[in-house]
Amino acid sequence: MPGTSLAVEEKNTGVGFVRTLYATFPEGISLRCGATLAPVTVAYETYGELNAAGDNAVLICHALTGDAHAAGWHTPTDKVPGWWDPLVGPGRPFDTERYFVICSNVLGGCAGSTGPASPNPATGRPYGRSFPVITVEDMVRVQHRLLKELGVKRLVAVAGGSLGGLQALEWGRVYPQLVENVIAIGAAAALSAQALAWNYTQRQAIYLDPAWQNGDYYGGPGPVQGLALARAIGTITYKSEASWQKKFGRALASPPEELYRLESRFQVESYLAYQGEKLVRRFDANSYLYLTKAMDLFDLAQGFPSLRAALADYSPRVLMVGISSDFLFPPHQQKEIVRALRAGKKSAVYREIISPYGHDAFLIEFDQLGYIIEEFLLRA
């Protein structure tokens, strides 16, 4: 086909074509809730080469509905590359000529790693609601097991945005001796009451769908309407008023003659419906429930009198990146972590992405984010 060779040539830039790999650990993992989950399978991708010392690795952690495909292309027909592709590759911020870059699908996910849709060895059927409640710490411990399998002895950096940022912060808490640098974007020491409220409404949208069937819907259509609504609610929190206004304003999607019908739509409504419909084609509703719950349970200061006390043994250098228009994880939350670390004489800096795109900016503003990351790592 005309243009095909050019398209393939363009897709050979960056890390080029990649494939998702899988590792299974029969011994599983002991979870924070007290349960044991075994076996555990992890889907992951790697870019670049691990050096002989095993100390040039970078771990990238994905957000709520992300996956292990952070960079490159799977096939010549892919329409888009991995979700952080502009940041990963030769000469890019996570330079694959210097670093061995790893990204894995989180525990509880639905893109190859063990989650609620995985078969329960005790029954042979999907776990569904019997899947144990997991935490961000559990996700990190599974990642640590994967890195041991790959021969990684030390991490130059752990980086991620949103839920990925929570994982990066947790790495610095659980494995401080293994991590040199933590890069967390649009993250917090704990979710605010407002963020907890948004997550509650999203889970309720799934629970109230009759097709959810208490999580035992595998083999049928499942709670597609509930998951679509949950995604629409979540999408509202990822944007800013300015970005909504600029993109849609009050433009109508329905013909003007249908304005005074309940079913008529503004374009912003059609966009939210589209986002919901798109997610249900690739994501499991139960994973959405478990991963948002894991976010809710995350609290760096749990069991300590203060955040400063909780971070007293935090040894990695920390880069907290805020987003000027983010109301889900507003900049004061990242600054709070930096203040607590500096109060304990730790190395921490704050940088800010100036953007109208809200929380989503860490998936959009690659020029700004790339510059911030490069500057930080060059000073390591």
Protein backbone atom coordinates (compact mmCIF):
# COMPACT_ATOMS: atom_id res chain seq x y z
CA MET A 1 0.00 0.00 0.00
CA PRO A 2 1.26 3.53 -0.75
CA GLY A 3 2.75 5.10 2.34
CA THR A 4 3.09 1.83 4.23
CA SER A 5 6.90 1.77 4.11
CA LEU A 6 7.02 5.37 5.32
CA ALA A 7 4.69 4.53 8.21
CA VAL A 8 6.86 1.56 9.20
CA GLU A 9 9.99 3.71 8.95
CA GLU A 10 8.45 6.30 11.27
CA LYS A 11 7.56 3.55 13.73
CA ASN A 12 11.18 2.43 13.85
CA THR A 13 12.11 5.71 15.54
CA GLY A 14 12.25 5.79 19.33
CA VAL A 15 12.32 2.21 20.62
CA GLY A 16 10.65 0.92 17.45
CA PHE A 17 8.65 -2.30 17.58
CA VAL A 18 8.30 -4.02 20.93
CA ARG A 19 6.39 -6.90 22.46
CA THR A 20 4.77 -7.53 25.81
CA LEU A 21 6.42 -10.25 27.89
CA TYR A 22 5.09 -12.28 30.82
CA ALA A 23 6.60 -13.63 34.03
CA THR A 24 4.81 -15.98 36.42
CA PHE A 25 5.80 -16.47 40.06
CA PRO A 26 4.28 -19.70 41.47
CA GLU A 27 5.01 -18.64 45.06
CA GLY A 28 2.87 -15.54 44.62
CA ILE A 29 2.82 -12.73 47.15
CA SER A 30 1.66 -12.14 50.72
CA LEU A 31 -0.64 -9.14 50.57
CA ARG A 32 -1.03 -6.26 52.99
CA CYS A 33 -4.60 -7.41 53.75
CA GLY A 34 -3.23 -10.72 55.09
CA ALA A 35 -4.19 -12.92 52.16
CA THR A 36 -1.77 -14.78 49.90
CA LEU A 37 -2.21 -14.56 46.15
CA ALA A 38 -0.58 -17.32 44.09
CA PRO A 39 0.45 -17.74 41.41
CA VAL A 40 1.05 -14.19 40.20
CA THR A 41 1.65 -13.31 36.56
CA VAL A 42 3.10 -9.96 35.48
CA ALA A 43 2.90 -8.48 31.98
CA TYR A 44 5.82 -6.19 31.19
CA GLU A 45 7.86 -4.51 28.48
CA THR A 46 11.53 -3.52 28.44
CA TYR A 47 13.43 -1.01 26.35
CA GLY A 48 17.22 -0.76 26.14
CA GLU A 49 19.74 -3.14 27.69
CA LEU A 50 20.58 -3.94 31.30
CA ASN A 51 24.28 -3.39 32.02
CA ALA A 52 26.53 -6.02 33.60
CA ALA A 53 26.23 -4.41 37.03
CA GLY A 54 22.42 -4.40 36.83
CA ASP A 55 22.31 -0.79 38.00
CA ASN A 56 21.16 1.25 34.98
CA ALA A 57 17.44 0.42 35.22
CA VAL A 58 14.48 2.82 35.20
CA LEU A 59 11.02 1.64 36.23
CA ILE A 60 8.01 3.41 34.74
CA CYS A 61 4.69 2.99 36.54
CA HIS A 62 1.36 3.48 34.78
CA ALA A 63 -1.83 5.23 35.86
CA LEU A 64 -5.29 3.81 36.62
CA THR A 65 -6.30 2.41 33.22
CA GLY A 66 -2.80 2.16 31.77
CA ASP A 67 -0.75 -0.90 30.92
CA ALA A 68 2.80 -2.10 30.33
CA HIS A 69 2.97 -0.60 26.82
CA ALA A 70 4.74 2.63 27.71
CA ALA A 71 6.68 3.08 24.46
CA GLY A 72 7.11 1.87 20.91
CA TRP A 73 4.72 0.01 18.63
CA HIS A 74 3.38 -3.52 18.67
CA THR A 75 2.51 -3.78 14.98
CA PRO A 76 2.87 -1.68 11.81
CA THR A 77 -0.90 -1.05 11.92
CA ASP A 78 -0.91 0.52 15.40
CA LYS A 79 -2.50 3.96 15.30
CA VAL A 80 -0.67 5.27 18.36
CA PRO A 81 2.51 4.25 20.21
CA GLY A 82 2.87 3.52 23.92
CA TRP A 83 1.39 6.03 26.33
CA TRP A 84 4.74 7.69 27.32
CA ASP A 85 6.50 7.11 24.00
CA PRO A 86 7.90 10.67 23.59
CA LEU A 87 9.82 10.22 26.84
CA VAL A 88 11.40 6.81 26.13
CA GLY A 89 14.05 6.04 23.53
CA PRO A 90 17.49 7.05 22.27
CA GLY A 91 18.20 10.68 23.13
CA ARG A 92 14.89 11.04 24.98
CA PRO A 93 14.54 11.79 28.71
CA PHE A 94 14.58 8.09 29.55
CA ASP A 95 17.44 7.45 27.15
CA THR A 96 17.53 3.79 26.15
CA GLU A 97 21.17 4.15 25.15
CA ARG A 98 21.89 4.75 28.84
CA TYR A 99 19.02 3.11 30.71
CA PHE A 100 17.26 -0.23 30.80
CA VAL A 101 13.62 0.86 31.02
CA ILE A 102 10.90 -1.43 32.39
CA CYS A 103 7.14 -0.94 32.59
CA SER A 104 4.79 -3.58 34.00
CA ASN A 105 1.03 -3.88 34.24
CA VAL A 106 0.04 -3.52 37.89
CA LEU A 107 -1.21 -6.28 40.12
CA GLY A 108 -5.00 -6.13 39.92
CA GLY A 109 -4.93 -4.89 36.35
CA CYS A 110 -6.47 -6.48 33.28
CA ALA A 111 -3.75 -6.17 30.64
CA GLY A 112 -1.86 -9.39 31.32
CA SER A 113 -1.11 -9.21 35.04
CA THR A 114 -3.03 -11.17 37.66
CA GLY A 115 -6.29 -9.45 38.53
CA PRO A 116 -9.97 -10.13 39.20
CA ALA A 117 -10.50 -11.57 35.70
CA SER A 118 -7.68 -14.11 36.18
CA PRO A 119 -8.57 -17.75 36.99
CA ASN A 120 -8.71 -18.60 40.66
CA PRO A 121 -6.69 -21.84 41.09
CA ALA A 122 -9.17 -23.00 43.75
CA THR A 123 -12.15 -22.89 41.40
CA GLY A 124 -10.84 -22.62 37.86
CA ARG A 125 -13.15 -19.66 37.34
CA PRO A 126 -12.28 -15.94 37.35
CA TYR A 127 -11.69 -14.50 40.82
CA GLY A 128 -14.29 -11.77 40.43
CA ARG A 129 -15.32 -10.42 43.83
CA SER A 130 -13.24 -13.10 45.61
CA PHE A 131 -10.06 -11.34 44.49
CA PRO A 132 -8.41 -9.93 47.65
CA VAL A 133 -8.21 -6.19 48.26
CA ILE A 134 -4.80 -4.98 47.15
CA THR A 135 -2.70 -1.91 47.95
CA VAL A 136 -0.13 0.18 46.15
CA GLU A 137 2.47 -1.50 48.36
CA ASP A 138 1.38 -4.89 46.99
CA MET A 139 1.81 -3.58 43.44
CA VAL A 140 5.32 -2.40 44.30
CA ARG A 141 6.31 -5.71 45.89
CA VAL A 142 5.25 -7.57 42.74
CA GLN A 143 7.30 -5.13 40.65
CA HIS A 144 10.27 -5.76 42.94
CA ARG A 145 9.91 -9.51 42.36
CA LEU A 146 9.89 -8.90 38.61
CA LEU A 147 13.03 -6.76 38.76
CA LYS A 148 14.85 -9.50 40.69
CA GLU A 149 13.86 -11.93 37.95
CA LEU A 150 15.28 -9.55 35.33
CA GLY A 151 18.59 -9.16 37.19
CA VAL A 152 18.09 -5.54 38.23
CA LYS A 153 20.24 -4.67 41.25
CA ARG A 154 19.48 -0.96 41.51
CA LEU A 155 17.10 1.56 39.98
CA VAL A 156 18.37 4.86 38.64
CA ALA A 157 14.77 6.09 38.90
CA VAL A 158 11.15 5.12 39.42
CA ALA A 159 8.73 7.41 37.61
CA GLY A 160 5.01 7.73 37.06
CA GLY A 161 1.98 9.97 37.09
CA SER A 162 -1.24 9.72 39.12
CA LEU A 163 -1.49 6.11 40.37
CA GLY A 164 1.94 5.69 38.79
CA GLY A 165 3.19 8.54 40.97
CA LEU A 166 1.80 6.82 44.08
CA GLN A 167 3.75 3.69 43.11
CA ALA A 168 6.93 5.72 42.61
CA LEU A 169 6.55 7.28 46.07
CA GLU A 170 5.87 3.87 47.59
CA TRP A 171 9.04 2.47 46.03
CA GLY A 172 11.05 5.09 47.89
CA ARG A 173 9.36 4.07 51.15
CA VAL A 174 9.50 0.27 50.84
CA TYR A 175 12.84 -0.12 49.00
CA PRO A 176 14.83 3.07 49.73
CA GLN A 177 18.15 1.25 49.41
CA LEU A 178 17.36 0.18 45.84
CA VAL A 179 16.16 3.50 44.37
CA GLU A 180 18.31 6.52 43.56
CA ASN A 181 15.58 8.86 42.29
CA VAL A 182 11.81 9.05 42.63
CA ILE A 183 9.86 11.05 40.02
CA ALA A 184 6.19 11.48 40.91
CA ILE A 185 3.84 13.57 38.76
CA GLY A 186 0.34 14.63 39.82
CA ALA A 187 0.51 12.49 42.98
CA ALA A 188 -0.04 13.00 46.71
CA ALA A 189 0.90 11.58 50.10
CA ALA A 190 -2.74 10.45 50.35
CA LEU A 191 -5.91 11.07 48.39
CA SER A 192 -7.92 14.08 49.57
CA ALA A 193 -11.53 13.76 50.71
CA GLN A 194 -12.58 15.17 47.33
CA ALA A 195 -10.59 12.53 45.43
CA LEU A 196 -12.04 9.81 47.69
CA ALA A 197 -15.51 11.14 46.89
CA TRP A 198 -14.90 11.00 43.14
CA ASN A 199 -13.67 7.40 43.42
CA TYR A 200 -16.71 6.46 45.48
CA THR A 201 -19.10 7.73 42.82
CA GLN A 202 -17.23 5.83 40.11
CA ARG A 203 -17.42 2.56 42.01
CA GLN A 204 -21.10 3.10 42.76
CA ALA A 205 -21.77 3.50 39.05
CA ILE A 206 -20.41 -0.03 38.55
CA TYR A 207 -22.05 -1.54 41.63
CA LEU A 208 -25.48 -0.21 40.63
CA ASP A 209 -25.35 -1.72 37.15
CA PRO A 210 -27.52 -4.89 37.38
CA ALA A 211 -25.09 -6.64 35.04
CA TRP A 212 -22.32 -6.39 37.65
CA GLN A 213 -23.83 -9.43 39.43
CA ASN A 214 -21.66 -8.96 42.51
CA GLY A 215 -18.55 -9.23 40.35
CA ASP A 216 -19.46 -12.60 38.82
CA TYR A 217 -20.27 -11.42 35.30
CA TYR A 218 -17.57 -13.18 33.29
CA GLY A 219 -18.96 -14.97 30.27
CA GLY A 220 -21.59 -12.26 29.81
CA PRO A 221 -21.58 -8.61 28.74
CA GLY A 222 -20.75 -7.37 32.24
CA PRO A 223 -21.53 -3.93 33.72
CA VAL A 224 -20.64 -1.99 30.58
CA GLN A 225 -23.02 0.86 31.34
CA GLY A 226 -21.71 1.22 34.88
CA LEU A 227 -18.09 1.14 33.77
CA ALA A 228 -18.79 3.66 31.00
CA LEU A 229 -20.40 6.01 33.52
CA ALA A 230 -17.48 5.52 35.93
CA ARG A 231 -15.10 6.46 33.15
CA ALA A 232 -17.15 9.54 32.29
CA ILE A 233 -17.03 10.66 35.93
CA GLY A 234 -13.30 10.03 36.07
CA THR A 235 -12.72 11.91 32.84
CA ILE A 236 -14.37 14.99 34.34
CA THR A 237 -11.76 14.98 37.11
CA TYR A 238 -8.86 14.65 34.66
CA LYS A 239 -9.61 17.90 32.84
CA SER A 240 -9.85 21.55 33.86
CA GLU A 241 -12.60 24.09 33.32
CA ALA A 242 -10.39 25.91 30.82
CA SER A 243 -9.74 22.77 28.78
CA TRP A 244 -13.45 21.84 28.70
CA GLN A 245 -14.39 25.36 27.67
CA LYS A 246 -11.73 25.58 24.97
CA LYS A 247 -12.52 22.18 23.48
CA PHE A 248 -16.31 22.22 23.65
CA GLY A 249 -17.83 25.32 25.18
CA ARG A 250 -21.59 25.00 24.77
CA ALA A 251 -21.49 23.53 21.27
CA LEU A 252 -24.35 21.20 20.46
CA ALA A 253 -23.96 17.64 19.24
CA SER A 254 -27.66 17.25 18.47
CA PRO A 255 -29.42 19.09 15.65
CA PRO A 256 -30.84 22.48 16.75
CA GLU A 257 -34.39 21.30 16.18
CA GLU A 258 -33.89 18.65 18.89
CA LEU A 259 -32.72 21.14 21.52
CA TYR A 260 -35.86 20.81 23.65
CA ARG A 261 -35.74 17.03 23.93
CA LEU A 262 -34.32 15.34 27.02
CA GLU A 263 -32.16 13.18 24.78
CA SER A 264 -30.45 16.12 23.08
CA ARG A 265 -26.74 16.46 23.78
CA PHE A 266 -24.03 19.04 23.98
CA GLN A 267 -20.72 18.01 22.45
CA VAL A 268 -19.14 17.61 25.87
CA GLU A 269 -21.78 14.99 26.71
CA SER A 270 -21.05 13.06 23.52
CA TYR A 271 -17.35 13.18 24.33
CA LEU A 272 -17.91 11.71 27.80
CA ALA A 273 -20.09 8.97 26.30
CA TYR A 274 -17.36 8.21 23.76
CA GLN A 275 -14.69 7.95 26.48
CA GLY A 276 -16.87 5.50 28.39
CA GLU A 277 -17.60 3.38 25.34
CA LYS A 278 -13.92 3.28 24.43
CA LEU A 279 -12.83 2.09 27.88
CA VAL A 280 -15.33 -0.78 28.12
CA ARG A 281 -13.76 -2.34 25.02
CA ARG A 282 -10.40 -2.79 26.79
CA PHE A 283 -10.87 -2.67 30.55
CA ASP A 284 -12.40 -4.88 33.22
CA ALA A 285 -14.90 -3.29 35.59
CA ASN A 286 -13.66 -5.30 38.58
CA SER A 287 -10.11 -4.07 37.97
CA TYR A 288 -11.49 -0.53 38.01
CA LEU A 289 -13.02 -1.23 41.42
CA TYR A 290 -9.89 -2.77 42.92
CA LEU A 291 -7.43 -0.22 41.55
CA THR A 292 -9.44 2.81 42.66
CA LYS A 293 -9.74 1.20 46.11
CA ALA A 294 -5.96 0.73 46.21
CA MET A 295 -5.57 4.43 45.46
CA ASP A 296 -7.97 5.27 48.30
CA LEU A 297 -5.97 3.16 50.77
CA PHE A 298 -2.63 4.77 49.90
CA ASP A 299 -1.30 6.94 52.74
CA LEU A 300 2.41 7.64 53.16
CA ALA A 301 1.86 8.91 56.71
CA GLN A 302 -0.24 5.99 57.94
CA GLY A 303 0.93 4.92 61.39
CA PHE A 304 3.05 8.05 61.89
CA PRO A 305 2.31 11.28 63.76
CA SER A 306 3.19 13.37 60.70
CA LEU A 307 4.26 13.13 57.07
CA ARG A 308 7.71 14.38 58.07
CA ALA A 309 8.05 11.54 60.55
CA ALA A 310 6.87 9.05 57.94
CA LEU A 311 9.56 10.24 55.51
CA ALA A 312 12.39 10.33 58.06
CA ASP A 313 14.12 7.32 56.48
CA TYR A 314 13.34 8.28 52.90
CA SER A 315 16.68 8.24 51.10
CA PRO A 316 16.08 8.65 47.31
CA ARG A 317 16.27 12.06 45.69
CA VAL A 318 12.71 13.16 44.94
CA LEU A 319 11.22 15.16 42.09
CA MET A 320 7.60 16.11 42.64
CA VAL A 321 5.90 17.53 39.54
CA GLY A 322 2.66 19.45 39.87
CA ILE A 323 0.25 20.53 37.16
CA SER A 324 -0.99 24.11 37.34
CA SER A 325 -4.63 23.29 36.47
CA ASP A 326 -4.92 19.91 38.25
CA PHE A 327 -7.82 19.90 40.71
CA LEU A 328 -7.75 16.13 41.32
CA PHE A 329 -4.17 16.20 42.67
CA PRO A 330 -3.57 19.97 43.01
CA PRO A 331 -0.02 21.38 43.24
CA HIS A 332 -0.18 22.04 46.98
CA GLN A 333 -0.20 18.26 47.50
CA GLN A 334 3.12 17.79 45.73
CA LYS A 335 4.58 20.81 47.53
CA GLU A 336 3.50 19.28 50.85
CA ILE A 337 5.70 16.23 50.19
CA VAL A 338 8.67 18.38 49.21
CA ARG A 339 8.30 20.48 52.38
CA ALA A 340 8.13 17.37 54.56
CA LEU A 341 11.24 15.88 52.94
CA ARG A 342 13.22 19.11 53.15
CA ALA A 343 12.23 19.53 56.79
CA GLY A 344 13.95 16.21 57.39
CA LYS A 345 17.04 17.37 55.42
CA LYS A 346 16.17 15.15 52.44
CA SER A 347 16.81 15.95 48.78
CA ALA A 348 13.56 17.04 47.14
CA VAL A 349 12.57 19.52 44.44
CA TYR A 350 9.27 20.75 43.06
CA ARG A 351 8.62 21.60 39.43
CA GLU A 352 5.36 22.52 37.75
CA ILE A 353 3.85 21.86 34.33
CA ILE A 354 2.00 24.99 33.22
CA SER A 355 -0.95 23.66 31.30
CA PRO A 356 -4.70 24.11 30.80
CA TYR A 357 -5.20 20.33 30.44
CA GLY A 358 -5.67 19.48 34.11
CA HIS A 359 -4.55 16.14 35.55
CA ASP A 360 -4.21 14.70 32.03
CA ALA A 361 -1.28 17.03 31.31
CA PHE A 362 1.26 14.34 32.30
CA LEU A 363 0.05 12.42 29.22
CA ILE A 364 0.02 15.48 26.95
CA GLU A 365 2.70 18.05 27.85
CA PHE A 366 5.69 15.93 26.85
CA ASP A 367 8.00 18.85 26.02
CA GLN A 368 7.64 20.41 29.46
CA LEU A 369 7.72 17.10 31.31
CA GLY A 370 10.66 15.82 29.32
CA TYR A 371 12.70 18.94 30.09
CA ILE A 372 11.87 18.69 33.80
CA ILE A 373 12.88 15.02 33.97
CA GLU A 374 16.09 15.49 31.98
CA GLU A 375 17.16 18.42 34.14
CA PHE A 376 16.56 16.41 37.30
CA LEU A 377 18.40 13.28 36.15
CA LEU A 378 21.35 15.27 34.83
CA ARG A 379 21.88 16.63 38.33
CA ALA A 380 21.76 13.19 39.91
